[in-house]
PDB file of N, CA and C in Angstrom:
ATOM      1  N   MET A   1       6.735 -10.348   7.520  1.00  0.00           N
ATOM      2  CA  MET A   1       7.027 -10.210   6.010  1.00  0.00           C
ATOM      3  C   MET A   1       8.512  -9.493   6.234  1.00  0.00           C
ATOM      4  N   GLY A   2       8.837  -8.609   5.726  1.00  0.00           N
ATOM      5  CA  GLY A   2      10.064  -7.947   5.628  1.00  0.00           C
ATOM      6  C   GLY A   2      10.261  -6.911   6.849  1.00  0.00           C
ATOM      7  N   LYS A   3      11.549  -6.737   6.937  1.00  0.00           N
ATOM      8  CA  LYS A   3      11.673  -5.566   7.902  1.00  0.00           C
ATOM      9  C   LYS A   3      11.330  -4.018   7.719  1.00  0.00           C
ATOM     10  N   GLY A   4      10.024  -3.666   8.804  1.00  0.00           N
ATOM     11  CA  GLY A   4       9.248  -2.663   8.707  1.00  0.00           C
ATOM     12  C   GLY A   4       8.008  -2.867   7.741  1.00  0.00           C
ATOM     13  N   ILE A   5       7.263  -4.102   7.699  1.00  0.00           N
ATOM     14  CA  ILE A   5       6.102  -4.123   7.006  1.00  0.00           C
ATOM     15  C   ILE A   5       5.369  -4.959   7.797  1.00  0.00           C
ATOM     16  N   TYR A   6       4.319  -4.727   8.155  1.00  0.00           N
ATOM     17  CA  TYR A   6       3.431  -5.596   9.099  1.00  0.00           C
ATOM     18  C   TYR A   6       2.451  -6.034   8.146  1.00  0.00           C
ATOM     19  N   VAL A   7       2.246  -7.448   8.627  1.00  0.00           N
ATOM     20  CA  VAL A   7       0.614  -7.819   7.794  1.00  0.00           C
ATOM     21  C   VAL A   7      -0.348  -8.038   8.853  1.00  0.00           C
ATOM     22  N   GLN A   8      -1.595  -7.959   8.348  1.00  0.00           N
ATOM     23  CA  GLN A   8      -2.931  -7.852   9.164  1.00  0.00           C
ATOM     24  C   GLN A   8      -3.766  -9.017   8.467  1.00  0.00           C
ATOM     25  N   GLU A   9      -4.219  -9.706   8.801  1.00  0.00           N
ATOM     26  CA  GLU A   9      -5.496 -10.890   7.985  1.00  0.00           C
ATOM     27  C   GLU A   9      -6.856 -10.128   8.298  1.00  0.00           C
ATOM     28  N   LEU A  10      -7.097  -9.408   7.491  1.00  0.00           N
ATOM     29  CA  LEU A  10      -8.438  -9.163   7.361  1.00  0.00           C
ATOM     30  C   LEU A  10      -9.732 -10.081   6.792  1.00  0.00           C
ATOM     31  N   PRO A  11     -10.429 -10.699   7.627  1.00  0.00           N
ATOM     32  CA  PRO A  11     -11.365 -11.592   7.216  1.00  0.00           C
ATOM     33  C   PRO A  11     -12.515 -11.467   6.369  1.00  0.00           C
ATOM     34  N   GLY A  12     -12.305 -12.189   5.447  1.00  0.00           N
ATOM     35  CA  GLY A  12     -13.663 -11.721   3.980  1.00  0.00           C
ATOM     36  C   GLY A  12     -13.129 -11.081   3.308  1.00  0.00           C
ATOM     37  N   ILE A  13     -11.984 -10.488   3.430  1.00  0.00           N
ATOM     38  CA  ILE A  13     -11.288  -9.057   2.674  1.00  0.00           C
ATOM     39  C   ILE A  13     -10.273  -9.321   2.009  1.00  0.00           C
ATOM     40  N   GLY A  14      -9.237  -9.588   3.225  1.00  0.00           N
ATOM     41  CA  GLY A  14      -7.859  -9.975   2.156  1.00  0.00           C
ATOM     42  C   GLY A  14      -6.880  -9.755   3.443  1.00  0.00           C
ATOM     43  N   LYS A  15      -5.809  -8.777   3.065  1.00  0.00           N
ATOM     44  CA  LYS A  15      -4.644  -8.700   3.856  1.00  0.00           C
ATOM     45  C   LYS A  15      -4.397  -7.300   3.953  1.00  0.00           C
ATOM     46  N   ARG A  16      -3.852  -6.917   5.140  1.00  0.00           N
ATOM     47  CA  ARG A  16      -3.566  -5.102   4.822  1.00  0.00           C
ATOM     48  C   ARG A  16      -1.917  -5.354   5.527  1.00  0.00           C
ATOM     49  N   TYR A  17      -0.935  -4.503   4.658  1.00  0.00           N
ATOM     50  CA  TYR A  17      -0.103  -4.057   5.050  1.00  0.00           C
ATOM     51  C   TYR A  17       0.226  -2.705   5.221  1.00  0.00           C
ATOM     52  N   ASP A  18       0.894  -2.639   6.349  1.00  0.00           N
ATOM     53  CA  ASP A  18       1.214  -1.152   6.970  1.00  0.00           C
ATOM     54  C   ASP A  18       2.935  -1.136   6.860  1.00  0.00           C
ATOM     55  N   VAL A  19       3.363  -0.117   6.028  1.00  0.00           N
ATOM     56  CA  VAL A  19       4.574  -0.124   5.699  1.00  0.00           C
ATOM     57  C   VAL A  19       5.023   1.418   6.505  1.00  0.00           C
ATOM     58  N   ASP A  20       6.429   0.981   7.430  1.00  0.00           N
ATOM     59  CA  ASP A  20       7.047   1.825   8.211  1.00  0.00           C
ATOM     60  C   ASP A  20       7.752   2.801   7.130  1.00  0.00           C
ATOM     61  N   LEU A  21       7.690   3.590   6.976  1.00  0.00           N
ATOM     62  CA  LEU A  21       8.481   4.499   6.359  1.00  0.00           C
ATOM     63  C   LEU A  21      10.127   4.986   6.566  1.00  0.00           C
ATOM     64  N   GLY A  22      10.006   4.746   8.163  1.00  0.00           N
ATOM     65  CA  GLY A  22      11.142   5.732   8.916  1.00  0.00           C
ATOM     66  C   GLY A  22      10.909   6.706   9.394  1.00  0.00           C
ATOM     67  N   SER A  23       9.790   7.513   9.754  1.00  0.00           N
ATOM     68  CA  SER A  23       9.378   8.845   9.783  1.00  0.00           C
ATOM     69  C   SER A  23       8.222   8.695  10.851  1.00  0.00           C
ATOM     70  N   ASN A  24       7.878   9.443  11.639  1.00  0.00           N
ATOM     71  CA  ASN A  24       6.608   9.538  12.164  1.00  0.00           C
ATOM     72  C   ASN A  24       6.049  10.549  11.123  1.00  0.00           C
ATOM     73  N   THR A  25       6.048  11.191  10.650  1.00  0.00           N
ATOM     74  CA  THR A  25       5.276  12.157   9.837  1.00  0.00           C
ATOM     75  C   THR A  25       4.605  11.000   8.336  1.00  0.00           C
ATOM     76  N   GLN A  26       5.046   9.968   8.383  1.00  0.00           N
ATOM     77  CA  GLN A  26       4.691   9.132   6.931  1.00  0.00           C
ATOM     78  C   GLN A  26       4.684   8.130   7.069  1.00  0.00           C
ATOM     79  N   ARG A  27       3.138   7.544   6.818  1.00  0.00           N
ATOM     80  CA  ARG A  27       2.825   6.461   6.895  1.00  0.00           C
ATOM     81  C   ARG A  27       2.031   5.846   6.038  1.00  0.00           C
ATOM     82  N   ILE A  28       1.868   4.634   5.371  1.00  0.00           N
ATOM     83  CA  ILE A  28       0.932   4.006   4.476  1.00  0.00           C
ATOM     84  C   ILE A  28       0.766   2.866   4.719  1.00  0.00           C
ATOM     85  N   SER A  29      -0.839   2.285   4.383  1.00  0.00           N
ATOM     86  CA  SER A  29      -0.940   0.973   3.976  1.00  0.00           C
ATOM     87  C   SER A  29      -1.528   0.446   2.852  1.00  0.00           C
ATOM     88  N   VAL A  30      -1.370  -0.799   2.596  1.00  0.00           N
ATOM     89  CA  VAL A  30      -1.963  -0.916   1.396  1.00  0.00           C
ATOM     90  C   VAL A  30      -2.759  -2.537   1.969  1.00  0.00           C
ATOM     91  N   VAL A  31      -4.189  -2.373   0.930  1.00  0.00           N
ATOM     92  CA  VAL A  31      -5.278  -3.353   1.607  1.00  0.00           C
ATOM     93  C   VAL A  31      -4.872  -4.233   0.239  1.00  0.00           C
ATOM     94  N   VAL A  32      -4.577  -5.387   0.082  1.00  0.00           N
ATOM     95  CA  VAL A  32      -4.646  -6.284  -0.912  1.00  0.00           C
ATOM     96  C   VAL A  32      -5.845  -7.359  -0.936  1.00  0.00           C
ATOM     97  N   ARG A  33      -6.969  -6.953  -1.576  1.00  0.00           N
ATOM     98  CA  ARG A  33      -8.374  -7.801  -1.342  1.00  0.00           C
ATOM     99  C   ARG A  33      -8.149  -9.021  -2.211  1.00  0.00           C
ATOM    100  N   ARG A  34      -8.999  -9.873  -1.881  1.00  0.00           N
ATOM    101  CA  ARG A  34      -9.297 -11.562  -2.791  1.00  0.00           C
ATOM    102  C   ARG A  34      -9.446 -11.278  -3.964  1.00  0.00           C
ATOM    103  N   ASP A  35     -10.161 -10.040  -4.368  1.00  0.00           N
ATOM    104  CA  ASP A  35     -10.320  -9.945  -5.757  1.00  0.00           C
ATOM    105  C   ASP A  35      -8.951  -9.483  -6.749  1.00  0.00           C
ATOM    106  N   GLY A  36      -7.960  -9.380  -6.053  1.00  0.00           N
ATOM    107  CA  GLY A  36      -6.754  -8.686  -6.809  1.00  0.00           C
ATOM    108  C   GLY A  36      -6.604  -7.152  -6.390  1.00  0.00           C
ATOM    109  N   THR A  37      -8.035  -6.394  -6.222  1.00  0.00           N
ATOM    110  CA  THR A  37      -7.812  -5.158  -5.846  1.00  0.00           C
ATOM    111  C   THR A  37      -7.081  -4.546  -4.650  1.00  0.00           C
ATOM    112  N   ARG A  38      -5.990  -3.563  -5.037  1.00  0.00           N
ATOM    113  CA  ARG A  38      -5.624  -2.924  -4.102  1.00  0.00           C
ATOM    114  C   ARG A  38      -6.085  -1.232  -3.901  1.00  0.00           C
ATOM    115  N   ASP A  39      -6.049  -1.286  -2.243  1.00  0.00           N
ATOM    116  CA  ASP A  39      -6.111   0.196  -1.824  1.00  0.00           C
ATOM    117  C   ASP A  39      -5.105   0.772  -1.309  1.00  0.00           C
ATOM    118  N   LEU A  40      -4.397   1.634  -1.632  1.00  0.00           N
ATOM    119  CA  LEU A  40      -3.151   2.421  -1.099  1.00  0.00           C
ATOM    120  C   LEU A  40      -3.772   3.498  -0.245  1.00  0.00           C
ATOM    121  N   TYR A  41      -3.689   3.899   1.110  1.00  0.00           N
ATOM    122  CA  TYR A  41      -4.246   4.392   2.092  1.00  0.00           C
ATOM    123  C   TYR A  41      -2.786   5.265   2.558  1.00  0.00           C
ATOM    124  N   VAL A  42      -2.798   6.976   2.491  1.00  0.00           N
ATOM    125  CA  VAL A  42      -1.979   7.503   3.093  1.00  0.00           C
ATOM    126  C   VAL A  42      -2.099   8.272   3.722  1.00  0.00           C
ATOM    127  N   PHE A  43      -1.477   8.543   5.214  1.00  0.00           N
ATOM    128  CA  PHE A  43      -1.882   9.061   6.215  1.00  0.00           C
ATOM    129  C   PHE A  43      -1.040  10.182   6.862  1.00  0.00           C
ATOM    130  N   ALA A  44      -1.114  11.265   7.299  1.00  0.00           N
ATOM    131  CA  ALA A  44      -1.073  12.423   7.442  1.00  0.00           C
ATOM    132  C   ALA A  44       0.051  12.022   9.372  1.00  0.00           C
ATOM    133  N   ALA A  45       1.098  13.301   9.585  1.00  0.00           N
ATOM    134  CA  ALA A  45       1.392  12.867  10.887  1.00  0.00           C
ATOM    135  C   ALA A  45       0.002  13.089  11.754  1.00  0.00           C
ATOM    136  N   GLY A  46       0.199  11.796  13.072  1.00  0.00           N
ATOM    137  CA  GLY A  46      -0.721  11.996  13.909  1.00  0.00           C
ATOM    138  C   GLY A  46      -2.164  12.011  13.450  1.00  0.00           C
ATOM    139  N   LYS A  47      -2.351  11.493  12.301  1.00  0.00           N
ATOM    140  CA  LYS A  47      -4.038  11.091  11.582  1.00  0.00           C
ATOM    141  C   LYS A  47      -4.250   9.911  12.079  1.00  0.00           C
ATOM    142  N   ASP A  48      -5.444   9.648  12.446  1.00  0.00           N
ATOM    143  CA  ASP A  48      -5.658   7.965  12.425  1.00  0.00           C
ATOM    144  C   ASP A  48      -6.518   7.869  10.768  1.00  0.00           C
ATOM    145  N   ASP A  49      -7.141   8.688  10.467  1.00  0.00           N
ATOM    146  CA  ASP A  49      -7.889   8.551   9.099  1.00  0.00           C
ATOM    147  C   ASP A  49      -6.965   9.098   8.015  1.00  0.00           C
ATOM    148  N   PRO A  50      -7.261   8.301   6.795  1.00  0.00           N
ATOM    149  CA  PRO A  50      -6.302   8.427   5.760  1.00  0.00           C
ATOM    150  C   PRO A  50      -6.770  10.056   5.240  1.00  0.00           C
ATOM    151  N   VAL A  51      -5.372  10.646   4.588  1.00  0.00           N
ATOM    152  CA  VAL A  51      -5.717  11.945   3.885  1.00  0.00           C
ATOM    153  C   VAL A  51      -6.089  11.518   2.442  1.00  0.00           C
ATOM    154  N   ALA A  52      -5.525  10.193   2.129  1.00  0.00           N
ATOM    155  CA  ALA A  52      -5.984   9.881   0.447  1.00  0.00           C
ATOM    156  C   ALA A  52      -6.493   8.557   0.500  1.00  0.00           C
ATOM    157  N   VAL A  53      -7.070   7.772  -0.296  1.00  0.00           N
ATOM    158  CA  VAL A  53      -7.400   6.492  -0.603  1.00  0.00           C
ATOM    159  C   VAL A  53      -7.038   6.496  -1.926  1.00  0.00           C
ATOM    160  N   ILE A  54      -6.414   5.734  -2.541  1.00  0.00           N
ATOM    161  CA  ILE A  54      -6.460   5.095  -4.086  1.00  0.00           C
ATOM    162  C   ILE A  54      -6.751   3.826  -4.132  1.00  0.00           C
ATOM    163  N   GLU A  55      -7.952   3.547  -5.177  1.00  0.00           N
ATOM    164  CA  GLU A  55      -8.125   2.083  -5.239  1.00  0.00           C
ATOM    165  C   GLU A  55      -7.580   1.768  -6.926  1.00  0.00           C
ATOM    166  N   MET A  56      -6.897   0.909  -7.099  1.00  0.00           N
ATOM    167  CA  MET A  56      -6.139   0.134  -8.062  1.00  0.00           C
ATOM    168  C   MET A  56      -6.496  -1.396  -8.360  1.00  0.00           C
ATOM    169  N   SER A  57      -6.512  -1.568  -9.819  1.00  0.00           N
ATOM    170  CA  SER A  57      -6.958  -2.592 -10.085  1.00  0.00           C
ATOM    171  C   SER A  57      -5.334  -3.571 -10.001  1.00  0.00           C
ATOM    172  N   GLU A  58      -5.389  -4.652  -9.802  1.00  0.00           N
ATOM    173  CA  GLU A  58      -4.106  -5.588  -9.892  1.00  0.00           C
ATOM    174  C   GLU A  58      -3.350  -5.341 -10.840  1.00  0.00           C
ATOM    175  N   GLU A  59      -3.954  -4.679 -12.248  1.00  0.00           N
ATOM    176  CA  GLU A  59      -2.658  -4.212 -13.373  1.00  0.00           C
ATOM    177  C   GLU A  59      -2.192  -3.087 -12.822  1.00  0.00           C
ATOM    178  N   GLN A  60      -2.688  -2.111 -12.361  1.00  0.00           N
ATOM    179  CA  GLN A  60      -2.452  -0.625 -12.130  1.00  0.00           C
ATOM    180  C   GLN A  60      -1.508  -0.477 -11.158  1.00  0.00           C
ATOM    181  N   ALA A  61      -1.780  -1.759 -10.051  1.00  0.00           N
ATOM    182  CA  ALA A  61      -0.912  -1.957  -8.755  1.00  0.00           C
ATOM    183  C   ALA A  61       0.551  -2.173  -9.207  1.00  0.00           C
ATOM    184  N   ARG A  62       0.444  -3.046 -10.447  1.00  0.00           N
ATOM    185  CA  ARG A  62       1.425  -3.923 -11.120  1.00  0.00           C
ATOM    186  C   ARG A  62       2.632  -2.916 -11.514  1.00  0.00           C
ATOM    187  N   LYS A  63       1.916  -1.684 -12.079  1.00  0.00           N
ATOM    188  CA  LYS A  63       2.362  -0.499 -13.254  1.00  0.00           C
ATOM    189  C   LYS A  63       2.893   0.453 -11.852  1.00  0.00           C
ATOM    190  N   VAL A  64       2.401   0.414 -10.926  1.00  0.00           N
ATOM    191  CA  VAL A  64       3.016   1.787 -10.045  1.00  0.00           C
ATOM    192  C   VAL A  64       4.122   0.960  -9.661  1.00  0.00           C
ATOM    193  N   GLY A  65       4.191  -0.556  -8.910  1.00  0.00           N
ATOM    194  CA  GLY A  65       5.060  -1.115  -8.469  1.00  0.00           C
ATOM    195  C   GLY A  65       6.389  -1.296  -9.158  1.00  0.00           C
ATOM    196  N   ALA A  66       6.158  -1.465 -10.535  1.00  0.00           N
ATOM    197  CA  ALA A  66       7.478  -1.366 -11.174  1.00  0.00           C
ATOM    198  C   ALA A  66       8.065  -0.222 -11.313  1.00  0.00           C
ATOM    199  N   LEU A  67       7.629   0.787 -11.369  1.00  0.00           N
ATOM    200  CA  LEU A  67       8.133   2.336 -11.310  1.00  0.00           C
ATOM    201  C   LEU A  67       8.636   2.511 -10.017  1.00  0.00           C
ATOM    202  N   LEU A  68       8.068   2.221  -8.964  1.00  0.00           N
ATOM    203  CA  LEU A  68       8.669   2.216  -7.576  1.00  0.00           C
ATOM    204  C   LEU A  68      10.100   1.525  -7.098  1.00  0.00           C
ATOM    205  N   ALA A  69       9.928   0.303  -7.934  1.00  0.00           N
ATOM    206  CA  ALA A  69      10.880  -0.764  -7.947  1.00  0.00           C
ATOM    207  C   ALA A  69      12.159  -0.202  -8.707  1.00  0.00           C
ATOM    208  N   GLY A  70      12.090   0.866  -9.695  1.00  0.00           N
ATOM    209  CA  GLY A  70      13.258   0.993 -10.696  1.00  0.00           C
ATOM    210  C   GLY A  70      13.126  -0.102 -11.915  1.00  0.00           C
ATOM    211  N   THR A  71      11.929  -0.828 -12.135  1.00  0.00           N
ATOM    212  CA  THR A  71      12.316  -1.958 -12.970  1.00  0.00           C
ATOM    213  C   THR A  71      11.446  -1.507 -14.462  1.00  0.00           C
ATOM    214  N   TYR A  72      10.949  -0.540 -14.231  1.00  0.00           N
ATOM    215  CA  TYR A  72      10.375   0.094 -15.715  1.00  0.00           C
ATOM    216  C   TYR A  72      11.012   0.998 -16.283  1.00  0.00           C
ATOM    217  N   PHE A  73      11.479   1.362 -17.360  1.00  0.00           N
ATOM    218  CA  PHE A  73      12.189   2.109 -18.173  1.00  0.00           C
ATOM    219  C   PHE A  73      11.589   2.826 -19.485  1.00  0.00           C
ATOM    220  N   SER A  74      11.321   3.793 -19.295  1.00  0.00           N
ATOM    221  CA  SER A  74      10.984   4.726 -21.003  1.00  0.00           C
ATOM    222  C   SER A  74      11.902   4.467 -21.914  1.00  0.00           C
ATOM    223  N   GLU A  75      11.315   4.304 -23.005  1.00  0.00           N
ATOM    224  CA  GLU A  75      12.459   4.583 -24.307  1.00  0.00           C
ATOM    225  C   GLU A  75      12.602   5.742 -24.447  1.00  0.00           C
TER     226      GLU A  75
END
């Protein structure tokens, strides 16, 4: 995909995107399921298990994505 984003096919589930945030202390993964649901995994430094998992619908993920991309502006 893009530099610093690694994609892995998850048979029967969807795809996992591991995002390199440029720091050994920060790591996130996003699983995009076939039904459109997204799971955001947040990892602490040196940990294999996530410290937080957030499940979002496709619409919720688009809202968060718009905020992160800077394309959403409030009135």
